[in-house]
N, C-alpha and C. Protein backbone atom coordinates (compact mmCIF):
# COMPACT_ATOMS: atom_id res chain seq x y z
N MET A 1 -10.37 8.82 -10.88
CA MET A 1 -9.08 8.40 -10.46
C MET A 1 -8.43 9.82 -11.26
N LEU A 2 -7.36 9.91 -9.89
CA LEU A 2 -6.60 11.30 -10.71
C LEU A 2 -5.86 10.36 -11.97
N GLY A 3 -5.03 11.32 -12.89
CA GLY A 3 -3.93 10.55 -13.56
C GLY A 3 -2.73 10.75 -13.50
N PRO A 4 -1.62 9.96 -14.06
CA PRO A 4 -0.25 9.98 -13.15
C PRO A 4 0.42 11.79 -13.89
N GLY A 5 0.23 12.17 -14.37
CA GLY A 5 0.26 13.90 -14.43
C GLY A 5 -0.50 14.62 -13.00
N ALA A 6 -1.05 14.63 -12.06
CA ALA A 6 -1.94 15.40 -11.39
C ALA A 6 -0.91 15.97 -10.67
N ASP A 7 -1.39 16.40 -9.76
CA ASP A 7 -0.89 17.28 -8.64
C ASP A 7 -0.41 15.89 -7.51
N PRO A 8 0.81 16.24 -6.73
CA PRO A 8 1.01 15.34 -5.97
C PRO A 8 0.40 15.28 -5.17
N VAL A 9 -0.23 16.73 -4.28
CA VAL A 9 -1.09 17.47 -3.49
C VAL A 9 -2.19 16.57 -3.69
N CYS A 10 -2.99 16.78 -4.87
CA CYS A 10 -4.39 16.26 -4.90
C CYS A 10 -4.30 14.85 -4.71
N ARG A 11 -3.63 14.20 -5.50
CA ARG A 11 -3.37 12.79 -5.67
C ARG A 11 -3.17 12.56 -4.14
N SER A 12 -2.66 12.96 -3.02
CA SER A 12 -2.30 12.28 -1.62
C SER A 12 -4.33 12.89 -1.21
N LEU A 13 -4.53 14.17 -1.36
CA LEU A 13 -5.90 14.19 -0.97
C LEU A 13 -7.10 12.98 -1.74
N ALA A 14 -6.70 12.81 -2.67
CA ALA A 14 -7.95 11.48 -3.43
C ALA A 14 -7.43 9.98 -2.85
N LEU A 15 -6.48 9.97 -2.64
CA LEU A 15 -6.16 8.66 -1.49
C LEU A 15 -6.28 9.00 -0.29
N GLU A 16 -6.62 9.94 -0.17
CA GLU A 16 -7.34 10.13 1.50
C GLU A 16 -8.61 9.43 1.83
N LYS A 17 -9.43 10.31 0.73
CA LYS A 17 -10.58 10.43 0.09
C LYS A 17 -11.19 8.40 0.42
N ASP A 18 -10.22 7.86 -0.26
CA ASP A 18 -11.00 6.44 -0.14
C ASP A 18 -10.94 5.62 0.56
N MET A 19 -10.04 5.35 1.71
CA MET A 19 -9.58 5.43 3.05
C MET A 19 -10.61 5.61 4.06
N PRO A 20 -10.97 4.19 5.13
CA PRO A 20 -12.17 4.61 5.75
C PRO A 20 -11.63 5.22 7.05
N GLY A 21 -12.68 6.09 7.12
CA GLY A 21 -12.34 6.92 8.50
C GLY A 21 -12.25 6.05 9.78
N THR A 22 -12.12 6.82 10.47
CA THR A 22 -12.64 6.08 12.48
C THR A 22 -13.03 5.37 12.91
N GLY A 23 -14.67 6.42 12.32
CA GLY A 23 -16.22 5.77 12.34
C GLY A 23 -16.32 4.78 11.79
N GLU A 24 -16.22 4.74 10.86
CA GLU A 24 -16.30 3.12 9.49
C GLU A 24 -15.48 1.98 10.43
N ILE A 25 -14.31 2.40 10.91
CA ILE A 25 -13.48 1.63 10.91
C ILE A 25 -13.81 1.08 12.19
N ILE A 26 -14.55 1.06 13.10
CA ILE A 26 -15.64 1.42 14.40
C ILE A 26 -16.51 0.43 14.12
N VAL A 27 -17.09 0.91 12.54
CA VAL A 27 -18.04 0.33 12.78
C VAL A 27 -18.34 -1.41 12.52
N ILE A 28 -16.87 -1.45 11.23
CA ILE A 28 -16.41 -2.58 10.71
C ILE A 28 -16.00 -3.66 12.12
N MET A 29 -15.27 -3.11 13.15
CA MET A 29 -14.78 -3.75 14.50
C MET A 29 -15.92 -4.05 14.66
N ALA A 30 -17.36 -3.43 14.92
CA ALA A 30 -17.98 -3.74 15.98
C ALA A 30 -18.88 -4.93 15.49
N VAL A 31 -19.18 -4.83 13.82
CA VAL A 31 -19.63 -6.01 13.17
C VAL A 31 -18.62 -7.35 13.19
N ALA A 32 -17.60 -7.12 12.89
CA ALA A 32 -17.19 -8.31 12.94
C ALA A 32 -17.01 -8.96 14.45
N PHE A 33 -17.00 -8.12 15.19
CA PHE A 33 -17.31 -8.50 17.10
C PHE A 33 -18.14 -9.42 17.16
N LEU A 34 -19.19 -9.07 16.61
CA LEU A 34 -20.86 -9.49 16.73
C LEU A 34 -20.78 -10.85 15.83
N LEU A 35 -19.86 -10.91 14.11
CA LEU A 35 -20.11 -11.87 14.05
C LEU A 35 -19.07 -12.94 14.37
N PHE A 36 -17.64 -12.63 14.59
CA PHE A 36 -16.71 -13.48 14.86
C PHE A 36 -17.01 -14.31 16.47
N GLY A 37 -17.30 -13.10 16.97
CA GLY A 37 -17.19 -13.71 18.88
C GLY A 37 -15.83 -12.69 19.46
N PRO A 38 -15.64 -13.06 20.47
CA PRO A 38 -14.12 -12.15 21.16
C PRO A 38 -13.18 -13.54 21.10
N GLN A 39 -13.73 -14.56 21.23
CA GLN A 39 -12.92 -15.15 20.39
C GLN A 39 -11.66 -15.83 19.77
N LYS A 40 -12.88 -15.64 18.41
CA LYS A 40 -11.76 -15.08 17.69
C LYS A 40 -10.82 -14.08 16.98
N MET A 41 -11.23 -13.23 17.46
CA MET A 41 -11.27 -12.24 16.58
C MET A 41 -9.21 -12.12 17.19
N PRO A 42 -9.01 -12.29 18.24
CA PRO A 42 -7.09 -12.59 18.06
C PRO A 42 -6.74 -13.41 16.77
N GLU A 43 -7.31 -14.26 17.03
CA GLU A 43 -7.12 -15.13 15.56
C GLU A 43 -6.44 -14.40 14.48
N ILE A 44 -7.97 -13.40 13.80
CA ILE A 44 -8.32 -13.14 12.99
C ILE A 44 -7.05 -11.80 12.87
N GLY A 45 -7.27 -10.92 14.04
CA GLY A 45 -6.32 -10.18 13.80
C GLY A 45 -4.95 -10.26 13.48
N ARG A 46 -4.28 -11.58 14.02
CA ARG A 46 -3.19 -11.88 14.06
C ARG A 46 -2.54 -12.22 12.52
N SER A 47 -4.09 -12.37 11.59
CA SER A 47 -4.22 -13.05 10.39
C SER A 47 -3.85 -11.75 9.41
N VAL A 48 -4.91 -11.31 9.86
CA VAL A 48 -4.66 -9.79 9.06
C VAL A 48 -3.31 -9.54 9.05
N GLY A 49 -3.16 -9.03 10.76
CA GLY A 49 -1.54 -8.93 10.49
C GLY A 49 -0.30 -9.02 9.68
N LYS A 50 -0.47 -10.56 9.29
CA LYS A 50 0.57 -11.28 8.74
C LYS A 50 -0.10 -10.92 7.36
N ALA A 51 -1.05 -10.75 6.93
CA ALA A 51 -1.15 -11.02 5.61
C ALA A 51 -0.83 -9.38 4.91
N LEU A 52 -0.78 -8.11 6.20
CA LEU A 52 -0.21 -7.25 5.53
C LEU A 52 1.23 -7.46 5.66
N ARG A 53 1.55 -7.34 6.47
CA ARG A 53 2.77 -7.77 6.04
C ARG A 53 3.60 -8.19 5.16
N GLU A 54 2.84 -8.87 4.62
CA GLU A 54 3.30 -9.87 3.80
C GLU A 54 3.22 -9.12 2.33
N LEU A 55 2.19 -8.46 2.41
CA LEU A 55 1.75 -7.51 1.63
C LEU A 55 2.42 -6.31 1.01
N GLN A 56 3.26 -6.18 2.49
CA GLN A 56 4.55 -4.60 2.44
C GLN A 56 5.70 -5.29 1.72
N LYS A 57 6.15 -6.35 2.34
CA LYS A 57 7.04 -7.00 2.06
C LYS A 57 7.08 -7.02 0.11
N MET A 58 6.28 -7.79 -0.52
CA MET A 58 6.30 -7.73 -1.96
C MET A 58 5.95 -6.23 -2.64
N ARG A 59 5.33 -5.38 -1.69
CA ARG A 59 5.18 -4.27 -2.43
C ARG A 59 7.07 -3.32 -1.98
N ASP A 60 7.18 -3.89 -1.13
CA ASP A 60 8.72 -3.10 -1.41
C ASP A 60 10.06 -3.99 -2.01
N GLU A 61 9.83 -4.83 -2.25
CA GLU A 61 10.63 -6.11 -3.43
C GLU A 61 10.68 -5.30 -4.15
N LEU A 62 8.78 -5.10 -5.03
CA LEU A 62 8.52 -4.68 -6.77
C LEU A 62 9.00 -3.40 -6.65
N MET A 63 9.31 -2.55 -5.78
CA MET A 63 9.93 -0.89 -5.21
C MET A 63 11.34 -1.42 -5.57
N ASN A 64 11.88 -1.93 -5.09
CA ASN A 64 13.90 -2.28 -5.45
C ASN A 64 13.71 -2.70 -6.43
N THR A 65 12.85 -3.13 -7.32
CA THR A 65 12.80 -4.20 -8.47
C THR A 65 13.30 -3.04 -9.58
N VAL A 66 11.81 -2.52 -8.98
CA VAL A 66 12.01 -1.03 -10.18
C VAL A 66 12.92 -0.36 -10.27
N ASN A 67 13.11 0.30 -9.21
CA ASN A 67 14.38 1.36 -8.67
C ASN A 67 15.44 0.86 -9.03
N GLY A 68 15.94 -0.39 -9.00
CA GLY A 68 17.28 -1.18 -9.60
C GLY A 68 17.60 -1.54 -10.81
N SER A 69 16.09 -0.82 -12.04
CA SER A 69 16.16 -1.33 -12.98
C SER A 69 16.20 0.43 -13.87
N LEU A 70 15.59 1.25 -12.90
CA LEU A 70 16.01 2.49 -13.27
C LEU A 70 17.19 3.06 -12.67
N ASP A 71 17.93 2.69 -12.12
CA ASP A 71 19.49 2.81 -11.65
C ASP A 71 20.27 2.58 -12.86
N ASP A 72 19.81 1.00 -12.81
CA ASP A 72 20.63 0.42 -13.98
C ASP A 72 20.77 1.53 -15.54
N GLU A 73 19.44 1.71 -15.59
CA GLU A 73 19.54 2.65 -17.14
C GLU A 73 20.14 3.70 -16.65
N ASP A 74 20.08 4.05 -15.85
CA ASP A 74 21.05 5.55 -15.57
C ASP A 74 22.41 5.51 -15.47
N THR A 75 23.24 4.13 -14.98
CA THR A 75 24.32 3.83 -15.16
C THR A 75 25.13 3.56 -16.59
N ASP A 76 23.93 3.30 -17.23
CA ASP A 76 24.15 2.25 -18.42
C ASP A 76 25.17 3.77 -19.25
N PRO A 77 26.80 2.86 -19.89
CA PRO A 77 27.44 3.52 -20.46
C PRO A 77 27.26 4.17 -21.76
N ARG A 78 26.09 3.90 -22.02
CA ARG A 78 26.07 3.73 -23.49
C ARG A 78 25.49 5.31 -23.98
N ARG A 79 24.11 5.61 -22.85
CA ARG A 79 23.54 6.78 -22.31
C ARG A 79 24.62 7.87 -22.45
N LYS A 80 26.21 7.35 -21.56
CA LYS A 80 26.70 8.79 -22.06
C LYS A 80 26.80 9.40 -23.06
N TYR A 81 27.02 8.81 -23.97
CA TYR A 81 27.39 9.38 -25.53
C TYR A 81 26.29 9.91 -26.10
N ASP A 82 25.18 9.80 -25.90
CA ASP A 82 24.21 9.82 -26.33
C ASP A 82 23.09 11.57 -26.05
N ARG A 83 24.12 11.79 -25.15
CA ARG A 83 23.65 12.92 -24.32
C ARG A 83 24.29 14.56 -25.34
């Protein structure tokens, strides 16, 4: 894996390699269809969608917390005199 100092373009290309491609997604969907049948697929889709929304919400809250902490450090009046 690439470290934090790696070029952003290289890091994004590395992330794209980790993601499944269109063909792989089709195979996964076909296997799920065979395992669960057409009656269960909408329910599974809703569950997966709900889980992804929750993960995005948690990620956004974490990012807001981190960004808020960084902003607090930038506006710290003691830092003005350290420069």
